[in-house]
Amino acid sequence: MNKNYVPVPQDFRNTIEDIKTKEIFSEIFYFDEHEVLHTSKGVIEGIASLQEEGDYLITNNKEKIRLDRIVKIEGVPGPALKSYHSQLP
């Protein structure tokens, strides 16, 4: 997986905004910086842009998840789904 931030499509950002508007408890699958798959559960508070690092999804438990490393959110495929499939045996 690319260590540098890769901008995500606007339609994926719109999906995140739609989920945020619903204020629902969401399940998010994502890769960390070591390419280890994790699951997070929480309410989405928003997206934060961090200089030199990229854009992050912020949850109500203050977890920050890099957008380009999201595999799935609420069953919707994310930008890192292709990387996930390439790691399967």
N, C-alpha and C. Protein backbone atom coordinates (compact mmCIF):
# COMPACT_ATOMS: atom_id res chain seq x y z
N MET A 1 0.85 -1.19 0.00
CA MET A 1 0.00 0.00 0.00
C MET A 1 0.88 1.23 0.00
N ASN A 2 0.42 2.23 -0.69
CA ASN A 2 1.16 3.49 -0.80
C ASN A 2 1.21 4.19 0.55
N LYS A 3 2.41 4.55 0.99
CA LYS A 3 2.57 5.26 2.27
C LYS A 3 2.19 6.73 2.14
N ASN A 4 2.29 7.28 0.91
CA ASN A 4 1.91 8.67 0.69
C ASN A 4 0.41 8.77 0.50
N TYR A 5 -0.16 9.87 0.96
CA TYR A 5 -1.60 10.06 0.84
C TYR A 5 -2.02 10.12 -0.63
N VAL A 6 -3.09 9.41 -0.94
CA VAL A 6 -3.66 9.42 -2.29
C VAL A 6 -5.05 10.05 -2.18
N PRO A 7 -5.30 11.16 -2.86
CA PRO A 7 -6.62 11.80 -2.78
C PRO A 7 -7.74 10.82 -3.13
N VAL A 8 -8.84 10.92 -2.40
CA VAL A 8 -9.98 10.03 -2.63
C VAL A 8 -11.03 10.71 -3.51
N PRO A 9 -11.81 9.91 -4.24
CA PRO A 9 -12.84 10.49 -5.11
C PRO A 9 -13.89 11.27 -4.32
N GLN A 10 -14.44 12.28 -4.95
CA GLN A 10 -15.46 13.12 -4.30
C GLN A 10 -16.69 12.30 -3.91
N ASP A 11 -17.05 11.29 -4.70
CA ASP A 11 -18.24 10.50 -4.36
C ASP A 11 -18.04 9.74 -3.04
N PHE A 12 -16.80 9.33 -2.73
CA PHE A 12 -16.55 8.68 -1.45
C PHE A 12 -16.67 9.68 -0.30
N ARG A 13 -16.16 10.88 -0.52
CA ARG A 13 -16.32 11.94 0.49
C ARG A 13 -17.80 12.24 0.73
N ASN A 14 -18.59 12.24 -0.35
CA ASN A 14 -20.03 12.47 -0.23
C ASN A 14 -20.69 11.37 0.58
N THR A 15 -20.24 10.13 0.37
CA THR A 15 -20.76 9.00 1.15
C THR A 15 -20.50 9.21 2.64
N ILE A 16 -19.29 9.63 2.97
CA ILE A 16 -18.94 9.89 4.37
C ILE A 16 -19.83 11.00 4.93
N GLU A 17 -20.02 12.05 4.18
CA GLU A 17 -20.88 13.16 4.63
C GLU A 17 -22.32 12.70 4.84
N ASP A 18 -22.83 11.83 3.95
CA ASP A 18 -24.18 11.28 4.10
C ASP A 18 -24.31 10.48 5.39
N ILE A 19 -23.31 9.64 5.66
CA ILE A 19 -23.32 8.83 6.89
C ILE A 19 -23.24 9.75 8.11
N LYS A 20 -22.39 10.77 8.03
CA LYS A 20 -22.25 11.72 9.14
C LYS A 20 -23.58 12.41 9.44
N THR A 21 -24.28 12.82 8.39
CA THR A 21 -25.57 13.51 8.56
C THR A 21 -26.59 12.65 9.29
N LYS A 22 -26.53 11.33 9.07
CA LYS A 22 -27.47 10.40 9.72
C LYS A 22 -27.16 10.20 11.20
N GLU A 23 -25.93 10.57 11.61
CA GLU A 23 -25.49 10.43 13.00
C GLU A 23 -25.69 9.01 13.52
N ILE A 24 -25.28 8.04 12.71
CA ILE A 24 -25.43 6.63 13.09
C ILE A 24 -24.09 6.05 13.56
N PHE A 25 -24.19 5.03 14.37
CA PHE A 25 -23.03 4.28 14.83
C PHE A 25 -22.54 3.46 13.64
N SER A 26 -21.33 3.72 13.18
CA SER A 26 -20.81 3.11 11.95
C SER A 26 -19.65 2.16 12.23
N GLU A 27 -19.54 1.17 11.35
CA GLU A 27 -18.42 0.24 11.40
C GLU A 27 -17.50 0.57 10.24
N ILE A 28 -16.20 0.75 10.55
CA ILE A 28 -15.22 1.17 9.56
C ILE A 28 -14.06 0.18 9.57
N PHE A 29 -13.74 -0.38 8.41
CA PHE A 29 -12.58 -1.25 8.26
C PHE A 29 -11.51 -0.45 7.54
N TYR A 30 -10.29 -0.49 8.06
CA TYR A 30 -9.21 0.33 7.48
C TYR A 30 -7.84 -0.27 7.79
N PHE A 31 -6.85 0.15 7.00
CA PHE A 31 -5.47 -0.22 7.23
C PHE A 31 -4.77 0.87 8.02
N ASP A 32 -3.91 0.46 8.97
CA ASP A 32 -3.09 1.45 9.66
C ASP A 32 -1.82 1.69 8.85
N GLU A 33 -0.90 2.46 9.40
CA GLU A 33 0.33 2.81 8.68
C GLU A 33 1.26 1.61 8.47
N HIS A 34 0.98 0.49 9.16
CA HIS A 34 1.79 -0.73 9.02
C HIS A 34 1.07 -1.77 8.17
N GLU A 35 -0.01 -1.35 7.50
CA GLU A 35 -0.80 -2.20 6.63
C GLU A 35 -1.52 -3.32 7.38
N VAL A 36 -1.83 -3.09 8.64
CA VAL A 36 -2.59 -4.04 9.45
C VAL A 36 -4.06 -3.60 9.40
N LEU A 37 -4.95 -4.56 9.15
CA LEU A 37 -6.37 -4.27 9.05
C LEU A 37 -6.98 -4.09 10.44
N HIS A 38 -7.77 -3.03 10.62
CA HIS A 38 -8.44 -2.74 11.89
C HIS A 38 -9.92 -2.48 11.65
N THR A 39 -10.69 -2.56 12.72
CA THR A 39 -12.10 -2.19 12.69
C THR A 39 -12.33 -1.13 13.76
N SER A 40 -13.08 -0.12 13.40
CA SER A 40 -13.45 0.93 14.34
C SER A 40 -14.96 1.06 14.31
N LYS A 41 -15.53 1.39 15.46
CA LYS A 41 -16.97 1.61 15.54
C LYS A 41 -17.21 2.93 16.24
N GLY A 42 -18.04 3.77 15.64
CA GLY A 42 -18.33 5.06 16.24
C GLY A 42 -19.15 5.93 15.32
N VAL A 43 -19.49 7.10 15.80
CA VAL A 43 -20.25 8.08 15.04
C VAL A 43 -19.25 9.02 14.36
N ILE A 44 -19.44 9.26 13.07
CA ILE A 44 -18.54 10.12 12.33
C ILE A 44 -18.80 11.58 12.70
N GLU A 45 -17.74 12.27 13.10
CA GLU A 45 -17.85 13.69 13.42
C GLU A 45 -17.48 14.58 12.24
N GLY A 46 -16.62 14.08 11.35
CA GLY A 46 -16.26 14.89 10.19
C GLY A 46 -14.97 14.44 9.55
N ILE A 47 -14.49 15.27 8.63
CA ILE A 47 -13.24 15.04 7.93
C ILE A 47 -12.30 16.20 8.25
N ALA A 48 -11.07 15.85 8.61
CA ALA A 48 -10.07 16.88 8.91
C ALA A 48 -8.92 16.75 7.92
N SER A 49 -8.47 17.88 7.40
CA SER A 49 -7.31 17.91 6.51
C SER A 49 -6.09 18.31 7.33
N LEU A 50 -5.09 17.45 7.33
CA LEU A 50 -3.87 17.71 8.08
C LEU A 50 -2.73 17.95 7.09
N GLN A 51 -2.12 19.10 7.17
CA GLN A 51 -1.02 19.47 6.28
C GLN A 51 0.00 18.35 6.20
N GLU A 52 0.46 18.06 5.01
CA GLU A 52 1.52 17.07 4.76
C GLU A 52 1.11 15.64 5.07
N GLU A 53 -0.07 15.40 5.68
CA GLU A 53 -0.47 14.04 6.04
C GLU A 53 -1.64 13.53 5.22
N GLY A 54 -2.56 14.40 4.86
CA GLY A 54 -3.74 13.97 4.12
C GLY A 54 -5.03 14.26 4.87
N ASP A 55 -6.10 13.64 4.42
CA ASP A 55 -7.42 13.85 5.01
C ASP A 55 -7.81 12.65 5.87
N TYR A 56 -8.40 12.97 7.01
CA TYR A 56 -8.74 11.94 7.99
C TYR A 56 -10.21 12.01 8.37
N LEU A 57 -10.79 10.84 8.57
CA LEU A 57 -12.14 10.75 9.13
C LEU A 57 -11.97 10.78 10.65
N ILE A 58 -12.78 11.57 11.32
CA ILE A 58 -12.72 11.68 12.78
C ILE A 58 -14.01 11.11 13.36
N THR A 59 -13.86 10.23 14.35
CA THR A 59 -15.04 9.63 14.99
C THR A 59 -15.29 10.28 16.35
N ASN A 60 -16.44 9.96 16.93
CA ASN A 60 -16.79 10.54 18.23
C ASN A 60 -15.86 10.08 19.35
N ASN A 61 -15.14 8.98 19.14
CA ASN A 61 -14.18 8.55 20.16
C ASN A 61 -12.78 9.09 19.86
N LYS A 62 -12.74 10.13 18.97
CA LYS A 62 -11.54 10.89 18.61
C LYS A 62 -10.52 10.06 17.85
N GLU A 63 -10.96 8.95 17.29
CA GLU A 63 -10.08 8.18 16.42
C GLU A 63 -9.96 8.92 15.09
N LYS A 64 -8.78 8.92 14.50
CA LYS A 64 -8.62 9.53 13.19
C LYS A 64 -8.10 8.46 12.24
N ILE A 65 -8.81 8.34 11.10
CA ILE A 65 -8.55 7.29 10.13
C ILE A 65 -8.29 7.94 8.78
N ARG A 66 -7.15 7.66 8.19
CA ARG A 66 -6.81 8.27 6.91
C ARG A 66 -7.79 7.78 5.83
N LEU A 67 -8.38 8.72 5.10
CA LEU A 67 -9.42 8.39 4.12
C LEU A 67 -8.97 7.39 3.08
N ASP A 68 -7.75 7.51 2.59
CA ASP A 68 -7.30 6.61 1.53
C ASP A 68 -6.97 5.21 2.02
N ARG A 69 -7.08 4.97 3.32
CA ARG A 69 -6.82 3.64 3.89
C ARG A 69 -8.10 2.93 4.33
N ILE A 70 -9.24 3.53 4.05
CA ILE A 70 -10.52 2.91 4.41
C ILE A 70 -10.85 1.81 3.40
N VAL A 71 -11.13 0.62 3.92
CA VAL A 71 -11.51 -0.53 3.09
C VAL A 71 -13.02 -0.53 2.88
N LYS A 72 -13.76 -0.36 3.98
CA LYS A 72 -15.23 -0.30 3.92
C LYS A 72 -15.74 0.56 5.06
N ILE A 73 -16.84 1.25 4.79
CA ILE A 73 -17.53 2.02 5.83
C ILE A 73 -19.02 1.80 5.63
N GLU A 74 -19.64 1.23 6.63
CA GLU A 74 -21.07 0.91 6.55
C GLU A 74 -21.39 0.08 5.31
N GLY A 75 -20.50 -0.86 4.98
CA GLY A 75 -20.71 -1.74 3.84
C GLY A 75 -20.37 -1.14 2.49
N VAL A 76 -20.01 0.13 2.46
CA VAL A 76 -19.66 0.81 1.21
C VAL A 76 -18.16 0.65 0.97
N PRO A 77 -17.77 0.16 -0.21
CA PRO A 77 -16.34 0.00 -0.50
C PRO A 77 -15.59 1.33 -0.43
N GLY A 78 -14.39 1.26 0.15
CA GLY A 78 -13.55 2.45 0.25
C GLY A 78 -12.36 2.38 -0.69
N PRO A 79 -11.55 3.42 -0.70
CA PRO A 79 -10.40 3.49 -1.60
C PRO A 79 -9.38 2.36 -1.42
N ALA A 80 -9.28 1.77 -0.24
CA ALA A 80 -8.27 0.74 0.02
C ALA A 80 -8.80 -0.68 -0.22
N LEU A 81 -10.00 -0.82 -0.76
CA LEU A 81 -10.56 -2.16 -0.98
C LEU A 81 -9.69 -2.98 -1.94
N LYS A 82 -9.17 -2.35 -2.97
CA LYS A 82 -8.32 -3.06 -3.93
C LYS A 82 -7.07 -3.60 -3.23
N SER A 83 -6.47 -2.81 -2.34
CA SER A 83 -5.30 -3.26 -1.58
C SER A 83 -5.66 -4.44 -0.69
N TYR A 84 -6.84 -4.39 -0.11
CA TYR A 84 -7.31 -5.49 0.75
C TYR A 84 -7.40 -6.78 -0.06
N HIS A 85 -8.04 -6.71 -1.23
CA HIS A 85 -8.19 -7.89 -2.07
C HIS A 85 -6.84 -8.43 -2.54
N SER A 86 -5.88 -7.57 -2.78
CA SER A 86 -4.58 -8.02 -3.24
C SER A 86 -3.81 -8.74 -2.14
N GLN A 87 -4.20 -8.57 -0.88
CA GLN A 87 -3.51 -9.24 0.23
C GLN A 87 -4.14 -10.58 0.59
N LEU A 88 -5.28 -10.90 -0.01
CA LEU A 88 -5.92 -12.17 0.27
C LEU A 88 -5.15 -13.31 -0.38
N PRO A 89 -5.13 -14.48 0.28
CA PRO A 89 -4.40 -15.63 -0.30
C PRO A 89 -5.05 -16.13 -1.57
